[in-house]
Amino acid sequence: MPIAIDKLTENPFVEGDFHYGDLLWSVLNVEPSFWKLHPQMYQAVLETVSGLPSILEEIIESIKKFEELEV
């Protein structure tokens, strides 16, 4: 897990084995009991993902505008 968290800190959307963002998905879906035993790792992941919702909203808005272009 420490290696995964280091990679996510550098790039939250880093590709694991399948597609961009799959490492983040995997880490976010770890059993809650793990995080209770490792609160420092939990905090590191929380700091990494805390700003993502606003960034994702901006990306979604940009995608919508892009799709509406008449080229």
N, C-alpha and C. Protein backbone atom coordinates (compact mmCIF):
# COMPACT_ATOMS: atom_id res chain seq x y z
N MET A 1 0.81 -1.20 0.00
CA MET A 1 0.00 0.00 0.00
C MET A 1 0.86 1.27 0.00
N PRO A 2 1.97 1.31 0.72
CA PRO A 2 2.77 2.55 0.68
C PRO A 2 3.23 2.93 -0.72
N ILE A 3 3.58 1.95 -1.54
CA ILE A 3 3.99 2.26 -2.92
C ILE A 3 2.82 2.82 -3.71
N ALA A 4 1.66 2.24 -3.54
CA ALA A 4 0.47 2.72 -4.24
C ALA A 4 0.16 4.15 -3.83
N ILE A 5 0.25 4.45 -2.55
CA ILE A 5 -0.04 5.80 -2.07
C ILE A 5 0.99 6.79 -2.61
N ASP A 6 2.25 6.40 -2.65
CA ASP A 6 3.27 7.28 -3.23
C ASP A 6 2.96 7.60 -4.69
N LYS A 7 2.57 6.58 -5.45
CA LYS A 7 2.24 6.79 -6.86
C LYS A 7 1.02 7.69 -7.01
N LEU A 8 0.02 7.50 -6.15
CA LEU A 8 -1.19 8.32 -6.22
C LEU A 8 -0.91 9.76 -5.82
N THR A 9 0.02 9.96 -4.92
CA THR A 9 0.39 11.32 -4.52
C THR A 9 1.00 12.06 -5.70
N GLU A 10 1.78 11.36 -6.50
CA GLU A 10 2.38 11.96 -7.69
C GLU A 10 1.35 12.21 -8.78
N ASN A 11 0.43 11.25 -8.96
CA ASN A 11 -0.58 11.36 -10.01
C ASN A 11 -1.79 10.51 -9.60
N PRO A 12 -2.87 11.16 -9.15
CA PRO A 12 -4.04 10.40 -8.68
C PRO A 12 -4.68 9.51 -9.75
N PHE A 13 -4.40 9.79 -11.01
CA PHE A 13 -5.01 9.01 -12.08
C PHE A 13 -4.04 8.04 -12.73
N VAL A 14 -2.96 7.75 -12.02
CA VAL A 14 -1.95 6.84 -12.56
C VAL A 14 -2.58 5.50 -12.92
N GLU A 15 -2.04 4.90 -13.95
CA GLU A 15 -2.55 3.61 -14.41
C GLU A 15 -1.91 2.48 -13.61
N GLY A 16 -2.73 1.55 -13.17
CA GLY A 16 -2.23 0.35 -12.52
C GLY A 16 -2.00 -0.70 -13.58
N ASP A 17 -2.79 -1.74 -13.58
CA ASP A 17 -2.64 -2.81 -14.56
C ASP A 17 -3.64 -2.73 -15.71
N PHE A 18 -4.68 -1.93 -15.56
CA PHE A 18 -5.76 -1.98 -16.54
C PHE A 18 -5.98 -0.68 -17.30
N HIS A 19 -6.23 0.41 -16.60
CA HIS A 19 -6.54 1.68 -17.26
C HIS A 19 -6.25 2.84 -16.31
N TYR A 20 -6.20 4.05 -16.86
CA TYR A 20 -5.94 5.22 -16.04
C TYR A 20 -6.95 5.28 -14.90
N GLY A 21 -6.45 5.52 -13.71
CA GLY A 21 -7.32 5.65 -12.56
C GLY A 21 -7.63 4.36 -11.83
N ASP A 22 -7.21 3.24 -12.36
CA ASP A 22 -7.57 1.98 -11.72
C ASP A 22 -6.86 1.78 -10.38
N LEU A 23 -5.67 2.36 -10.22
CA LEU A 23 -5.00 2.25 -8.92
C LEU A 23 -5.77 3.02 -7.86
N LEU A 24 -6.24 4.20 -8.22
CA LEU A 24 -7.04 4.99 -7.28
C LEU A 24 -8.31 4.23 -6.91
N TRP A 25 -8.98 3.68 -7.89
CA TRP A 25 -10.21 2.92 -7.63
C TRP A 25 -9.92 1.78 -6.66
N SER A 26 -8.82 1.08 -6.90
CA SER A 26 -8.47 -0.06 -6.04
C SER A 26 -8.21 0.38 -4.61
N VAL A 27 -7.47 1.45 -4.45
CA VAL A 27 -7.15 1.94 -3.10
C VAL A 27 -8.42 2.42 -2.39
N LEU A 28 -9.28 3.11 -3.10
CA LEU A 28 -10.51 3.62 -2.48
C LEU A 28 -11.47 2.51 -2.09
N ASN A 29 -11.29 1.34 -2.66
CA ASN A 29 -12.19 0.23 -2.36
C ASN A 29 -11.60 -0.81 -1.41
N VAL A 30 -10.51 -0.44 -0.75
CA VAL A 30 -9.92 -1.32 0.27
C VAL A 30 -10.87 -1.36 1.47
N GLU A 31 -10.92 -2.47 2.14
CA GLU A 31 -11.80 -2.65 3.30
C GLU A 31 -11.57 -1.56 4.35
N PRO A 32 -12.62 -0.99 4.91
CA PRO A 32 -12.48 0.03 5.95
C PRO A 32 -11.63 -0.43 7.14
N SER A 33 -11.65 -1.71 7.43
CA SER A 33 -10.85 -2.20 8.56
C SER A 33 -9.36 -1.95 8.34
N PHE A 34 -8.91 -1.97 7.09
CA PHE A 34 -7.51 -1.68 6.81
C PHE A 34 -7.17 -0.26 7.21
N TRP A 35 -8.03 0.68 6.83
CA TRP A 35 -7.78 2.09 7.12
C TRP A 35 -7.80 2.36 8.62
N LYS A 36 -8.64 1.65 9.34
CA LYS A 36 -8.67 1.82 10.79
C LYS A 36 -7.35 1.39 11.42
N LEU A 37 -6.71 0.40 10.84
CA LEU A 37 -5.40 -0.05 11.34
C LEU A 37 -4.26 0.84 10.86
N HIS A 38 -4.50 1.62 9.80
CA HIS A 38 -3.45 2.44 9.19
C HIS A 38 -3.95 3.87 8.96
N PRO A 39 -4.23 4.59 10.03
CA PRO A 39 -4.81 5.94 9.88
C PRO A 39 -3.88 6.93 9.16
N GLN A 40 -2.58 6.76 9.25
CA GLN A 40 -1.69 7.68 8.54
C GLN A 40 -1.79 7.50 7.03
N MET A 41 -1.92 6.26 6.61
CA MET A 41 -2.10 6.01 5.18
C MET A 41 -3.45 6.54 4.72
N TYR A 42 -4.47 6.37 5.57
CA TYR A 42 -5.79 6.92 5.25
C TYR A 42 -5.70 8.42 5.04
N GLN A 43 -5.01 9.12 5.94
CA GLN A 43 -4.88 10.57 5.82
C GLN A 43 -4.16 10.96 4.53
N ALA A 44 -3.13 10.20 4.16
CA ALA A 44 -2.40 10.49 2.94
C ALA A 44 -3.31 10.36 1.71
N VAL A 45 -4.12 9.32 1.68
CA VAL A 45 -5.04 9.14 0.56
C VAL A 45 -6.11 10.23 0.58
N LEU A 46 -6.61 10.54 1.75
CA LEU A 46 -7.63 11.58 1.88
C LEU A 46 -7.11 12.91 1.36
N GLU A 47 -5.89 13.27 1.69
CA GLU A 47 -5.30 14.51 1.19
C GLU A 47 -5.18 14.48 -0.33
N THR A 48 -4.84 13.33 -0.87
CA THR A 48 -4.68 13.20 -2.32
C THR A 48 -6.01 13.37 -3.04
N VAL A 49 -7.08 12.82 -2.50
CA VAL A 49 -8.36 12.84 -3.22
C VAL A 49 -9.26 14.02 -2.85
N SER A 50 -8.91 14.77 -1.84
CA SER A 50 -9.82 15.80 -1.35
C SER A 50 -10.17 16.85 -2.40
N GLY A 51 -9.25 17.18 -3.29
CA GLY A 51 -9.54 18.18 -4.30
C GLY A 51 -10.05 17.63 -5.62
N LEU A 52 -10.11 16.33 -5.73
CA LEU A 52 -10.50 15.74 -7.01
C LEU A 52 -11.93 16.03 -7.46
N PRO A 53 -12.92 16.09 -6.57
CA PRO A 53 -14.28 16.35 -7.06
C PRO A 53 -14.39 17.65 -7.86
N SER A 54 -13.77 18.72 -7.41
CA SER A 54 -13.88 19.97 -8.16
C SER A 54 -13.13 19.89 -9.48
N ILE A 55 -11.99 19.21 -9.49
CA ILE A 55 -11.24 19.04 -10.73
C ILE A 55 -12.04 18.21 -11.72
N LEU A 56 -12.67 17.14 -11.22
CA LEU A 56 -13.47 16.28 -12.10
C LEU A 56 -14.66 17.04 -12.66
N GLU A 57 -15.28 17.89 -11.86
CA GLU A 57 -16.40 18.69 -12.35
C GLU A 57 -15.96 19.60 -13.49
N GLU A 58 -14.78 20.20 -13.35
CA GLU A 58 -14.25 21.06 -14.40
C GLU A 58 -13.95 20.25 -15.66
N ILE A 59 -13.41 19.06 -15.50
CA ILE A 59 -13.11 18.21 -16.65
C ILE A 59 -14.40 17.80 -17.35
N ILE A 60 -15.41 17.44 -16.58
CA ILE A 60 -16.70 17.05 -17.17
C ILE A 60 -17.30 18.21 -17.95
N GLU A 61 -17.22 19.40 -17.40
CA GLU A 61 -17.74 20.58 -18.10
C GLU A 61 -16.97 20.82 -19.39
N SER A 62 -15.67 20.66 -19.35
CA SER A 62 -14.85 20.83 -20.56
C SER A 62 -15.19 19.77 -21.61
N ILE A 63 -15.44 18.56 -21.17
CA ILE A 63 -15.83 17.49 -22.10
C ILE A 63 -17.15 17.83 -22.77
N LYS A 64 -18.11 18.31 -21.99
CA LYS A 64 -19.41 18.67 -22.56
C LYS A 64 -19.26 19.76 -23.61
N LYS A 65 -18.47 20.79 -23.31
CA LYS A 65 -18.25 21.87 -24.27
C LYS A 65 -17.55 21.34 -25.53
N PHE A 66 -16.60 20.46 -25.32
CA PHE A 66 -15.88 19.89 -26.46
C PHE A 66 -16.83 19.10 -27.35
N GLU A 67 -17.69 18.31 -26.74
CA GLU A 67 -18.64 17.49 -27.51
C GLU A 67 -19.61 18.34 -28.31
N GLU A 68 -19.86 19.56 -27.85
CA GLU A 68 -20.81 20.44 -28.52
C GLU A 68 -20.20 21.23 -29.67
N LEU A 69 -18.88 21.15 -29.83
CA LEU A 69 -18.23 21.86 -30.93
C LEU A 69 -18.77 21.37 -32.26
N GLU A 70 -18.90 22.28 -33.18
CA GLU A 70 -19.31 21.91 -34.54
C GLU A 70 -18.08 22.03 -35.42
N VAL A 71 -17.48 20.90 -35.67
CA VAL A 71 -16.24 20.88 -36.46
C VAL A 71 -16.51 20.25 -37.81
